[in-house]
Amino acid sequence: MDTTRDGASVPLPESRRLPRPKLAIVALLALILLTSLSESLYRLPLNRVIEKRLCREYYRTHGPSITHNGGTIDEKYCKLDAIQQSLAWYVGIMETLWIVGDFIMTIPLGFVAEKYGRRTVLWLNLVPRIFLLSWASVVGYFEDALPLKAIVAGPTLSVLGGNCVLNSIIYALAASLTDDNVIRATYFSWTNAVSYVVTFVGPGLAGATMSLNLFLPFLIGICLLLLAVPTVSLVEDPARKPPASEDEQRQPLISSPTLKAQTSRASILKPIIERFHTLHSIVRSHPRNLTLLLISFFLTALASSDTSLLAQYISKRYHWEFASAGYLLSAKAVINFTLLTFVIPGILRTRGSQGPSRSPSLSDRDNVRYARICLVISVLGALAISVAATAWLLFPSLLLYSLGSALPVFTLGLLKSPSVSPKDNDRPANSPDPEAHIFSIVMMVKILGSLVGAPLMAALWVRGIATGALGIPYVVSAALYVTAIVVFAGIRVRLVQ
C-alpha cells in the first residue's frame, strides 16, 4: 500500500486538519477490511487453481489412471514434490511481480495523489485488485483455452498501485487524525488488528466457500472491492485544501512541491529524482534512530514473507487439503483479534492515563520495550513452526507466532516520537510536511523487504521440498528476526525534560 501538504502555504485550520476523527477512522478501517479480506480470499483458492492445473498436466503423462471422469483429480494426489515445487515458483513469481509494480510506482503515484487527491489514488488502487481476482478466475475456469502460464499476467496491473501505496496513504491519514501519541498508537493498533484478523479469518472463509465452488471466493472478493469504491468516498483527506483565500493567494508558493506536481511541464524523471532527494534529505535530518528503525522495518518485512507460505506449508507437510489449511490458519484470528483490539489498546490507555507529568520519553521506552518483546516472540514462533512435526504441534506454534503481530503498533508509534523526530534546528527549511513522507518511506522500505522476501522464501521452500527440510523458510525467518533484535538494540531514547 504519499502525499504532501504545501509547506509554504498557510497552515490548514485545525478543524480541517483533524476532520471528524471517529468517522474518518471508521472509514479507513472499513476500507482496510474490504481490501484485506478480498486479498485473503484470493490467496488460498489461487494455490488450488494453480495446483489443480499442474496436477492435471502431471498425471496426463505420469498416471492417466488417476484421472477421474470429467478430468478431475483428487487433491490428495497433488502433494507430490514435483507439483509442489512448481506451485511454489508460480506463487513466488506472482508475488514478486505484484510487489515490483507496486514499488516502482510508489513515487509517481505520489504526484498523482498531490494533484488529484489521495482518494483518487485509492480508487485507482482498486483496479489491479479487481483484475487480479478476475484474471485468476478466467485462467482457472478456461483450462483448455488458456495456458497456465497466462496466470502470471494477473499481478501486472500493480503499476496502478498495490499494498505499498495503499498502506502509506492509510497510515498517513490515520496519523493525521490526531496529535495525541496514545490515540495515534491506538489507531495504528486498530488498523493492524483489522489487517491481521482478516489475514487469518479470510483463509477460513475462503476454505468454506471454495469447498462449495472453487471460484466462489474470487467472486466474493470482487464484490467486496466494488463495495470499497463508495467507501473511499467517506475517507477524509486533510491534504485536499479548500479554495485558496485572497491572503493565501499572496503566499510565496513558488517552491511548493504540490504546485510543481500540478503545473510542471518538465520530464517525468526530473520530479521523481527531486522527490528521492527530498526523501533523502528528510531521512538525513532525522536522528540515527530513524535509520535503525528503517533497517528493522526491512528485516521484519523480509522475515514475515514466510506468512505467504503457510497454506502451502501446511498442505504439503501435513498432507492437508487447502480448504482444511484455511481453517487452521483462521484459528489464529482469536489471538490476533484479542491482542490488537483489546490488550494493546488497553495497555496504551493505561500508560496514557498515568498523568500529564509523565515524561514522553517513558512512552518511547515502552514502545521500544514492547517492540523487543514482540521480536523475541516472533523468533520463538518461527522456530516452533519450523520444527512442528504434527498439526497438533503446529497449532500452538501458530498461536505463539501470532503474539508477535503487535510489533507494527510500537514501531510505527516511534516514528513521531521525540527520539526519532529531528530537532527544530535540524529540519530542512524548504521541506514540505515530512509526516506523509516518513510513512511513504517506511512503506517503501517494508515493500522492498517483501520484494526480496517473496522470491527468497519461494526458493527456500523449493529447496526445503527437495531436501526434505520443509522448515527451512521459518528457520531463516527466525534468523532475520534475531538480526532485527540486534539492530533494534541500537535505538536510544531521548530524555525529554
Protein backbone atom coordinates (compact mmCIF):
# COMPACT_ATOMS: atom_id res chain seq x y z
CA MET A 1 0.00 0.00 0.00
CA ASP A 2 2.28 9.56 -0.29
CA THR A 3 1.19 12.83 -0.41
CA THR A 4 2.47 16.06 0.98
CA ARG A 5 0.90 19.25 2.05
CA ASP A 6 2.27 22.54 0.86
CA GLY A 7 4.77 23.61 3.44
CA ALA A 8 4.84 27.22 2.18
CA SER A 9 1.14 27.86 2.33
CA VAL A 10 -0.87 28.99 5.32
CA PRO A 11 -1.46 26.05 7.73
CA LEU A 12 -4.81 24.37 7.45
CA PRO A 13 -7.33 25.12 10.18
CA GLU A 14 -7.37 22.55 12.93
CA SER A 15 -10.92 21.52 12.07
CA ARG A 16 -9.76 20.89 8.53
CA ARG A 17 -6.59 19.12 9.54
CA LEU A 18 -8.27 16.80 12.03
CA PRO A 19 -11.64 16.11 10.42
CA ARG A 20 -14.15 14.17 12.47
CA PRO A 21 -11.65 11.53 13.64
CA LYS A 22 -14.26 8.93 14.64
CA LEU A 23 -15.98 8.91 11.25
CA ALA A 24 -12.64 9.14 9.46
CA ILE A 25 -11.06 6.19 11.30
CA VAL A 26 -14.19 4.07 10.77
CA ALA A 27 -14.00 4.74 7.02
CA LEU A 28 -10.32 3.80 6.99
CA LEU A 29 -10.96 0.61 8.95
CA ALA A 30 -13.79 -0.33 6.59
CA LEU A 31 -11.50 0.20 3.60
CA ILE A 32 -8.80 -1.95 5.18
CA LEU A 33 -11.38 -4.62 5.93
CA LEU A 34 -12.70 -4.77 2.37
CA THR A 35 -9.33 -4.72 0.61
CA SER A 36 -7.60 -7.08 3.04
CA LEU A 37 -10.45 -9.57 3.05
CA SER A 38 -10.59 -9.64 -0.74
CA GLU A 39 -6.84 -10.28 -0.84
CA SER A 40 -7.12 -13.02 1.77
CA LEU A 41 -9.95 -14.67 -0.14
CA TYR A 42 -7.71 -14.68 -3.22
CA ARG A 43 -4.62 -16.45 -1.89
CA LEU A 44 -5.97 -19.84 -0.86
CA PRO A 45 -8.06 -20.62 -3.99
CA LEU A 46 -5.21 -19.28 -6.15
CA ASN A 47 -2.96 -22.01 -4.75
CA ARG A 48 -5.61 -24.61 -5.50
CA VAL A 49 -6.28 -23.29 -9.02
CA ILE A 50 -2.58 -23.49 -9.90
CA GLU A 51 -2.12 -26.84 -8.15
CA LYS A 52 -5.14 -28.27 -9.94
CA ARG A 53 -3.75 -27.29 -13.34
CA LEU A 54 -0.26 -28.58 -12.51
CA CYS A 55 -1.71 -31.81 -11.17
CA ARG A 56 -3.74 -32.33 -14.31
CA GLU A 57 -0.72 -31.76 -16.53
CA TYR A 58 1.48 -34.03 -14.41
CA TYR A 59 -0.88 -37.02 -14.40
CA ARG A 60 -1.67 -36.58 -18.05
CA THR A 61 1.78 -38.05 -18.73
CA HIS A 62 2.70 -39.85 -15.49
CA GLY A 63 -0.51 -41.53 -14.42
CA PRO A 64 -3.61 -41.23 -16.56
CA SER A 65 -5.41 -43.81 -14.41
CA ILE A 66 -5.51 -41.31 -11.51
CA THR A 67 -7.78 -39.01 -13.51
CA HIS A 68 -11.46 -39.46 -12.70
CA ASN A 69 -14.39 -38.97 -15.03
CA GLY A 70 -14.55 -35.37 -16.19
CA GLY A 71 -10.79 -34.90 -15.80
CA THR A 72 -10.85 -34.26 -12.04
CA ILE A 73 -8.10 -35.49 -9.73
CA ASP A 74 -8.41 -35.96 -6.00
CA GLU A 75 -6.38 -33.26 -4.22
CA LYS A 76 -4.53 -35.82 -2.11
CA TYR A 77 -2.69 -36.98 -5.24
CA CYS A 78 -1.41 -33.45 -5.90
CA LYS A 79 1.07 -33.22 -3.00
CA LEU A 80 3.99 -34.72 -4.91
CA ASP A 81 7.30 -32.85 -4.72
CA ALA A 82 7.39 -32.00 -8.43
CA ILE A 83 3.92 -30.45 -8.34
CA GLN A 84 4.53 -28.53 -5.12
CA GLN A 85 7.86 -27.15 -6.34
CA SER A 86 6.21 -25.80 -9.50
CA LEU A 87 3.39 -24.36 -7.39
CA ALA A 88 5.92 -22.57 -5.18
CA TRP A 89 7.61 -20.99 -8.20
CA TYR A 90 4.32 -19.82 -9.72
CA VAL A 91 3.17 -18.24 -6.47
CA GLY A 92 6.61 -16.73 -5.84
CA ILE A 93 6.77 -15.19 -9.33
CA MET A 94 3.28 -13.71 -8.98
CA GLU A 95 4.09 -12.27 -5.54
CA THR A 96 7.28 -10.72 -6.91
CA LEU A 97 5.57 -9.20 -9.96
CA TRP A 98 2.90 -7.65 -7.76
CA ILE A 99 5.48 -6.13 -5.43
CA VAL A 100 7.75 -4.87 -8.23
CA GLY A 101 4.98 -2.95 -9.97
CA ASP A 102 3.80 -1.53 -6.67
CA PHE A 103 7.29 -0.48 -5.59
CA ILE A 104 8.42 1.28 -8.74
CA MET A 105 5.19 3.29 -9.00
CA THR A 106 5.03 4.48 -5.40
CA ILE A 107 6.77 7.79 -6.11
CA PRO A 108 4.93 8.58 -9.42
CA LEU A 109 1.60 7.81 -7.77
CA GLY A 110 2.60 10.26 -5.04
CA PHE A 111 2.43 13.01 -7.66
CA VAL A 112 -0.96 11.74 -8.75
CA ALA A 113 -2.11 11.98 -5.12
CA GLU A 114 -0.81 15.53 -4.87
CA LYS A 115 -2.61 16.67 -7.99
CA TYR A 116 -5.86 14.74 -7.77
CA GLY A 117 -6.00 13.79 -4.09
CA ARG A 118 -5.48 10.64 -2.07
CA ARG A 119 -8.98 9.40 -2.75
CA THR A 120 -8.22 9.25 -6.47
CA VAL A 121 -5.19 7.05 -5.81
CA LEU A 122 -7.27 4.86 -3.50
CA TRP A 123 -9.86 4.38 -6.25
CA LEU A 124 -7.09 3.66 -8.73
CA ASN A 125 -5.69 1.11 -6.28
CA LEU A 126 -8.85 -0.97 -6.56
CA VAL A 127 -8.42 -1.58 -10.31
CA PRO A 128 -5.46 -4.02 -10.15
CA ARG A 129 -7.09 -5.85 -7.25
CA ILE A 130 -10.30 -6.45 -9.19
CA PHE A 131 -8.31 -7.55 -12.24
CA LEU A 132 -6.16 -9.90 -10.14
CA LEU A 133 -9.17 -11.84 -8.87
CA SER A 134 -10.99 -11.73 -12.20
CA TRP A 135 -8.00 -13.00 -14.21
CA ALA A 136 -7.33 -15.89 -11.80
CA SER A 137 -10.95 -16.95 -12.25
CA VAL A 138 -10.72 -16.75 -16.04
CA VAL A 139 -7.49 -18.76 -16.28
CA GLY A 140 -8.74 -21.32 -13.79
CA TYR A 141 -12.11 -21.78 -15.48
CA PHE A 142 -10.97 -21.90 -19.10
CA GLU A 143 -8.42 -24.68 -18.63
CA ASP A 144 -8.38 -25.76 -22.24
CA ALA A 145 -8.39 -22.30 -23.79
CA LEU A 146 -5.67 -20.60 -21.74
CA PRO A 147 -2.25 -21.99 -20.71
CA LEU A 148 -1.39 -21.95 -17.02
CA LYS A 149 1.49 -19.54 -17.67
CA ALA A 150 -1.09 -16.88 -18.54
CA ILE A 151 -1.99 -16.60 -14.87
CA VAL A 152 1.22 -14.68 -14.13
CA ALA A 153 -0.24 -11.72 -16.05
CA GLY A 154 -2.66 -11.12 -13.18
CA PRO A 155 -0.31 -9.03 -10.98
CA THR A 156 0.99 -6.82 -13.81
CA LEU A 157 -1.56 -4.06 -13.17
CA SER A 158 0.05 -3.41 -9.79
CA VAL A 159 1.69 -0.47 -11.58
CA LEU A 160 -1.58 1.29 -10.73
CA GLY A 161 -0.83 0.77 -7.06
CA GLY A 162 -0.56 -2.12 -4.64
CA ASN A 163 -0.10 -2.62 -0.91
CA CYS A 164 2.74 -0.12 -0.55
CA VAL A 165 0.68 2.73 -1.99
CA LEU A 166 -2.44 1.71 -0.10
CA ASN A 167 -0.74 1.31 3.27
CA SER A 168 1.30 4.51 3.04
CA ILE A 169 -1.86 6.51 2.38
CA ILE A 170 -3.86 4.75 5.08
CA TYR A 171 -1.20 5.17 7.77
CA ALA A 172 -0.56 8.79 6.81
CA LEU A 173 -4.29 9.51 7.00
CA ALA A 174 -4.59 7.71 10.35
CA ALA A 175 -1.62 9.65 11.75
CA SER A 176 -3.14 12.96 10.62
CA LEU A 177 -6.35 12.37 12.59
CA THR A 178 -4.82 13.23 15.95
CA ASP A 179 -1.78 14.78 17.59
CA ASP A 180 -2.10 12.62 20.71
CA ASN A 181 0.52 9.86 20.77
CA VAL A 182 -1.68 7.41 22.69
CA ILE A 183 -4.70 7.90 20.41
CA ARG A 184 -2.48 7.64 17.33
CA ALA A 185 -0.98 4.39 18.58
CA THR A 186 -4.49 3.14 19.30
CA TYR A 187 -5.50 3.93 15.70
CA PHE A 188 -2.46 2.01 14.49
CA SER A 189 -3.46 -0.88 16.73
CA TRP A 190 -6.95 -0.90 15.24
CA THR A 191 -5.67 -0.82 11.67
CA ASN A 192 -3.25 -3.65 12.40
CA ALA A 193 -5.98 -5.57 14.20
CA VAL A 194 -8.23 -5.42 11.14
CA SER A 195 -5.38 -6.40 8.82
CA TYR A 196 -4.14 -9.32 10.90
CA VAL A 197 -7.56 -10.65 11.78
CA VAL A 198 -8.64 -10.56 8.15
CA THR A 199 -5.39 -12.20 7.10
CA PHE A 200 -6.22 -15.26 9.16
CA VAL A 201 -10.01 -15.16 9.15
CA GLY A 202 -10.00 -14.90 5.36
CA PRO A 203 -8.49 -18.35 4.79
CA GLY A 204 -11.26 -19.97 6.81
CA LEU A 205 -13.90 -18.17 4.79
CA ALA A 206 -12.01 -19.00 1.60
CA GLY A 207 -11.78 -22.65 2.64
CA ALA A 208 -15.50 -22.85 3.35
CA THR A 209 -16.54 -21.15 0.12
CA MET A 210 -14.08 -22.95 -2.14
CA SER A 211 -15.45 -26.23 -0.78
CA LEU A 212 -18.73 -25.21 -2.39
CA ASN A 213 -17.20 -23.84 -5.56
CA LEU A 214 -13.52 -23.16 -6.28
CA PHE A 215 -14.29 -19.78 -7.87
CA LEU A 216 -16.74 -18.53 -5.24
CA PRO A 217 -14.02 -16.82 -3.10
CA PHE A 218 -12.90 -14.86 -6.16
CA LEU A 219 -16.46 -13.69 -6.79
CA ILE A 220 -16.93 -12.63 -3.17
CA GLY A 221 -13.62 -10.77 -3.27
CA ILE A 222 -14.65 -8.85 -6.38
CA CYS A 223 -17.93 -7.86 -4.71
CA LEU A 224 -16.01 -6.62 -1.64
CA LEU A 225 -13.77 -4.48 -3.82
CA LEU A 226 -16.80 -3.00 -5.56
CA LEU A 227 -18.14 -2.07 -2.11
CA ALA A 228 -14.81 -0.37 -1.41
CA VAL A 229 -15.49 2.15 -4.20
CA PRO A 230 -18.16 4.09 -2.25
CA THR A 231 -16.22 3.53 0.97
CA VAL A 232 -13.32 5.57 -0.41
CA SER A 233 -15.75 8.49 -0.79
CA LEU A 234 -16.13 8.57 3.01
CA VAL A 235 -12.38 8.85 3.60
CA GLU A 236 -11.35 12.32 4.78
CA ASP A 237 -8.29 13.78 3.06
CA PRO A 238 -6.76 16.63 5.11
CA ALA A 239 -4.27 17.30 2.31
CA ARG A 240 -7.05 18.42 -0.02
CA LYS A 241 -7.15 22.14 0.66
CA PRO A 242 -10.23 24.32 0.19
CA PRO A 243 -10.18 27.07 -2.45
CA ALA A 244 -7.43 29.50 -1.60
CA SER A 245 -8.44 32.74 0.07
CA GLU A 246 -7.11 36.08 -1.06
CA ASP A 247 -4.49 36.03 1.69
CA GLU A 248 -3.39 32.51 0.78
CA GLN A 249 -3.03 33.51 -2.85
CA ARG A 250 -0.44 36.08 -1.83
CA GLN A 251 1.72 33.47 -0.07
CA PRO A 252 5.04 32.52 -1.75
CA LEU A 253 4.13 29.19 -3.32
CA ILE A 254 6.82 29.04 -5.98
CA SER A 255 8.78 26.31 -4.22
CA SER A 256 5.71 24.25 -3.36
CA PRO A 257 6.11 20.53 -4.32
CA THR A 258 2.33 20.32 -4.68
CA LEU A 259 2.33 23.19 -7.17
CA LYS A 260 5.17 21.58 -9.05
CA ALA A 261 3.26 18.32 -9.28
CA GLN A 262 0.25 20.18 -10.67
CA THR A 263 1.88 22.63 -13.09
CA SER A 264 5.31 21.35 -14.03
CA ARG A 265 5.85 20.59 -17.70
CA ALA A 266 9.26 19.05 -17.09
CA SER A 267 10.18 15.48 -17.86
CA ILE A 268 8.89 12.59 -15.78
CA LEU A 269 12.30 11.68 -14.39
CA LYS A 270 13.15 15.11 -13.01
CA PRO A 271 10.36 15.34 -10.42
CA ILE A 272 10.94 11.72 -9.42
CA ILE A 273 14.64 12.42 -8.84
CA GLU A 274 13.71 15.55 -6.90
CA ARG A 275 11.34 13.50 -4.76
CA PHE A 276 14.09 10.99 -3.95
CA HIS A 277 16.32 13.92 -2.96
CA THR A 278 13.53 15.20 -0.74
CA LEU A 279 13.11 11.81 0.91
CA HIS A 280 16.86 11.51 1.37
CA SER A 281 17.07 14.97 2.96
CA ILE A 282 14.24 14.11 5.33
CA VAL A 283 15.98 10.90 6.44
CA ARG A 284 19.28 12.75 6.90
CA SER A 285 17.58 15.41 9.01
CA HIS A 286 16.36 12.77 11.45
CA PRO A 287 18.44 11.15 14.20
CA ARG A 288 20.21 7.82 13.75
CA ASN A 289 17.25 6.15 15.41
CA LEU A 290 15.18 6.56 12.23
CA THR A 291 17.80 4.74 10.15
CA LEU A 292 17.82 1.88 12.65
CA LEU A 293 14.02 1.79 12.57
CA LEU A 294 14.01 1.61 8.77
CA ILE A 295 16.51 -1.25 8.84
CA SER A 296 14.32 -3.09 11.34
CA PHE A 297 11.27 -2.49 9.13
CA PHE A 298 13.14 -4.04 6.20
CA LEU A 299 14.27 -7.07 8.19
CA THR A 300 10.86 -7.76 9.72
CA ALA A 301 9.12 -7.37 6.35
CA LEU A 302 11.65 -9.79 4.88
CA ALA A 303 11.10 -12.25 7.74
CA SER A 304 7.31 -12.01 7.62
CA SER A 305 7.30 -13.02 3.95
CA ASP A 306 7.10 -16.57 5.28
CA THR A 307 3.41 -15.94 6.02
CA SER A 308 2.53 -16.34 2.35
CA LEU A 309 3.92 -19.89 2.52
CA LEU A 310 1.76 -21.05 5.43
CA ALA A 311 -1.02 -22.52 3.30
CA GLN A 312 1.44 -24.41 1.08
CA TYR A 313 3.49 -25.43 4.11
CA ILE A 314 0.51 -26.92 5.94
CA SER A 315 -0.88 -28.57 2.82
CA LYS A 316 2.44 -30.19 1.86
CA ARG A 317 3.91 -31.07 5.25
CA TYR A 318 0.74 -32.49 6.79
CA HIS A 319 -0.94 -33.63 3.54
CA TRP A 320 -3.98 -31.45 4.17
CA GLU A 321 -6.33 -30.04 1.58
CA PHE A 322 -6.03 -26.28 1.10
CA ALA A 323 -9.54 -25.76 2.47
CA SER A 324 -8.58 -27.52 5.71
CA ALA A 325 -5.37 -25.49 5.90
CA GLY A 326 -7.51 -22.38 5.71
CA TYR A 327 -9.48 -23.42 8.77
CA LEU A 328 -6.30 -23.93 10.77
CA LEU A 329 -4.94 -20.53 9.78
CA SER A 330 -8.21 -18.90 10.78
CA ALA A 331 -7.82 -20.26 14.30
CA LYS A 332 -5.11 -17.63 14.83
CA ALA A 333 -7.72 -14.90 14.46
CA VAL A 334 -8.84 -15.17 18.09
CA ILE A 335 -5.34 -14.39 19.39
CA ASN A 336 -4.74 -11.62 16.86
CA PHE A 337 -8.11 -10.01 17.44
CA THR A 338 -7.85 -10.14 21.23
CA LEU A 339 -4.28 -8.88 21.26
CA LEU A 340 -4.61 -6.00 18.81
CA THR A 341 -8.15 -4.88 19.55
CA PHE A 342 -8.32 -5.16 23.36
CA VAL A 343 -4.97 -5.94 25.00
CA ILE A 344 -2.71 -3.45 23.21
CA PRO A 345 -5.17 -0.52 23.26
CA GLY A 346 -5.78 -1.29 26.95
CA ILE A 347 -2.06 -1.10 27.68
CA LEU A 348 -1.81 2.16 25.75
CA ARG A 349 -4.73 3.71 27.61
CA THR A 350 -3.23 2.63 30.93
CA ARG A 351 0.11 4.16 30.04
CA GLY A 352 -1.53 7.32 28.73
CA SER A 353 -3.65 7.81 31.86
CA GLN A 354 -0.76 7.95 34.30
CA GLY A 355 -0.82 11.72 34.36
CA PRO A 356 0.48 14.65 32.33
CA SER A 357 3.65 14.77 34.40
CA ARG A 358 4.78 11.51 32.84
CA SER A 359 7.78 12.14 30.60
CA PRO A 360 7.21 11.48 26.90
CA SER A 361 10.49 9.55 26.86
CA LEU A 362 8.93 6.94 29.12
CA SER A 363 6.32 6.28 26.44
CA ASP A 364 9.14 5.87 23.92
CA ARG A 365 10.87 3.42 26.21
CA ASP A 366 7.62 1.49 26.47
CA ASN A 367 7.39 1.31 22.67
CA VAL A 368 10.97 0.08 22.41
CA ARG A 369 10.50 -2.47 25.20
CA TYR A 370 7.30 -3.91 23.77
CA ALA A 371 8.74 -3.99 20.25
CA ARG A 372 11.68 -6.05 21.51
CA ILE A 373 9.31 -8.44 23.26
CA CYS A 374 7.34 -8.87 20.01
CA LEU A 375 10.56 -9.61 18.13
CA VAL A 376 11.62 -12.26 20.64
CA ILE A 377 8.19 -13.88 20.44
CA SER A 378 8.41 -13.85 16.63
CA VAL A 379 11.75 -15.68 16.82
CA LEU A 380 10.32 -18.36 19.09
CA GLY A 381 7.15 -18.67 16.99
CA ALA A 382 9.03 -19.09 13.70
CA LEU A 383 11.33 -21.71 15.21
CA ALA A 384 8.35 -23.56 16.68
CA ILE A 385 6.63 -23.67 13.28
CA SER A 386 9.80 -24.99 11.63
CA VAL A 387 10.07 -27.98 13.97
CA ALA A 388 6.35 -28.78 14.41
CA ALA A 389 6.19 -32.41 13.35
CA THR A 390 2.41 -32.71 13.55
CA ALA A 391 -0.55 -30.43 13.06
CA TRP A 392 -1.27 -30.59 16.79
CA LEU A 393 2.16 -29.10 17.46
CA LEU A 394 1.75 -26.59 14.65
CA PHE A 395 -1.40 -25.05 16.13
CA PRO A 396 0.20 -23.73 19.37
CA SER A 397 3.21 -22.66 17.29
CA LEU A 398 0.95 -20.54 15.09
CA LEU A 399 -0.65 -19.01 18.18
CA LEU A 400 2.79 -18.17 19.59
CA TYR A 401 3.84 -16.64 16.28
CA SER A 402 0.68 -14.51 16.19
CA LEU A 403 1.62 -12.89 19.51
CA GLY A 404 4.37 -11.04 17.68
CA SER A 405 1.84 -9.42 15.34
CA ALA A 406 1.61 -6.35 17.60
CA LEU A 407 5.11 -5.25 16.52
CA PRO A 408 3.98 -2.58 13.99
CA VAL A 409 1.91 -0.86 16.69
CA PHE A 410 5.04 0.02 18.65
CA THR A 411 7.47 0.57 15.77
CA LEU A 412 5.06 2.88 13.93
CA GLY A 413 4.35 4.65 17.21
CA LEU A 414 8.03 5.59 17.42
CA LEU A 415 8.05 7.43 14.10
CA LYS A 416 6.74 10.69 15.56
CA SER A 417 8.37 10.39 18.96
CA PRO A 418 10.99 12.93 20.15
CA SER A 419 13.59 10.18 19.96
CA VAL A 420 13.10 9.81 16.20
CA SER A 421 11.89 13.25 15.10
CA PRO A 422 14.57 15.81 14.21
CA LYS A 423 15.28 18.82 16.38
CA ASP A 424 13.72 22.06 15.22
CA ASN A 425 17.03 23.46 14.02
CA ASP A 426 17.75 20.26 12.07
CA ARG A 427 14.56 20.33 10.00
CA PRO A 428 15.08 21.21 6.30
CA ALA A 429 13.86 24.77 5.83
CA ASN A 430 12.32 24.14 2.41
CA SER A 431 10.95 20.68 3.17
CA PRO A 432 7.22 20.01 2.98
CA ASP A 433 5.47 18.47 5.95
CA PRO A 434 7.53 15.30 6.42
CA GLU A 435 4.73 13.32 8.10
CA ALA A 436 3.31 11.78 4.91
CA HIS A 437 6.82 11.41 3.50
CA ILE A 438 8.01 9.46 6.52
CA PHE A 439 5.17 6.97 6.21
CA SER A 440 5.84 6.68 2.47
CA ILE A 441 9.49 5.92 3.21
CA VAL A 442 8.51 3.30 5.79
CA MET A 443 6.09 1.60 3.42
CA MET A 444 8.66 1.63 0.62
CA VAL A 445 11.23 0.04 2.92
CA LYS A 446 8.71 -2.60 4.00
CA ILE A 447 7.66 -3.34 0.44
CA LEU A 448 11.35 -3.60 -0.51
CA GLY A 449 11.71 -6.22 2.23
CA SER A 450 8.72 -8.07 0.82
CA LEU A 451 10.18 -7.74 -2.68
CA VAL A 452 13.32 -9.52 -1.56
CA GLY A 453 11.38 -11.90 0.67
CA ALA A 454 8.91 -13.23 -1.92
CA PRO A 455 11.47 -14.92 -4.22
CA LEU A 456 13.75 -15.76 -1.27
CA MET A 457 11.04 -17.66 0.60
CA ALA A 458 9.90 -19.36 -2.62
CA ALA A 459 13.48 -20.51 -3.29
CA LEU A 460 13.91 -21.69 0.31
CA TRP A 461 10.61 -23.56 0.15
CA VAL A 462 11.59 -25.29 -3.11
CA ARG A 463 14.94 -26.18 -1.57
CA GLY A 464 13.19 -27.49 1.53
CA ILE A 465 10.93 -29.73 -0.56
CA ALA A 466 13.92 -31.09 -2.46
CA THR A 467 15.93 -31.84 0.69
CA GLY A 468 13.06 -32.84 2.95
CA ALA A 469 13.84 -29.99 5.40
CA LEU A 470 10.48 -28.27 4.99
CA GLY A 471 11.03 -25.88 7.89
CA ILE A 472 13.95 -24.05 6.25
CA PRO A 473 11.97 -20.85 5.42
CA TYR A 474 10.94 -20.43 9.04
CA VAL A 475 14.43 -21.04 10.37
CA VAL A 476 15.66 -18.24 8.08
CA SER A 477 12.79 -16.04 9.28
CA ALA A 478 13.82 -16.62 12.88
CA ALA A 479 17.40 -15.63 12.00
CA LEU A 480 16.12 -12.42 10.37
CA TYR A 481 14.10 -11.56 13.46
CA VAL A 482 17.22 -12.09 15.57
CA THR A 483 19.08 -9.67 13.32
CA ALA A 484 16.25 -7.17 13.76
CA ILE A 485 16.64 -7.51 17.54
CA VAL A 486 20.33 -6.66 17.24
CA VAL A 487 19.55 -3.61 15.09
CA PHE A 488 16.75 -2.51 17.40
CA ALA A 489 19.14 -2.67 20.37
CA GLY A 490 20.94 0.35 18.92
CA ILE A 491 17.91 2.64 19.31
CA ARG A 492 18.45 5.18 22.06
CA VAL A 493 15.56 7.04 23.65
CA ARG A 494 15.96 10.78 24.04
CA LEU A 495 15.24 12.07 27.53
CA VAL A 496 12.82 14.96 27.48
CA GLN A 497 12.70 17.28 30.47
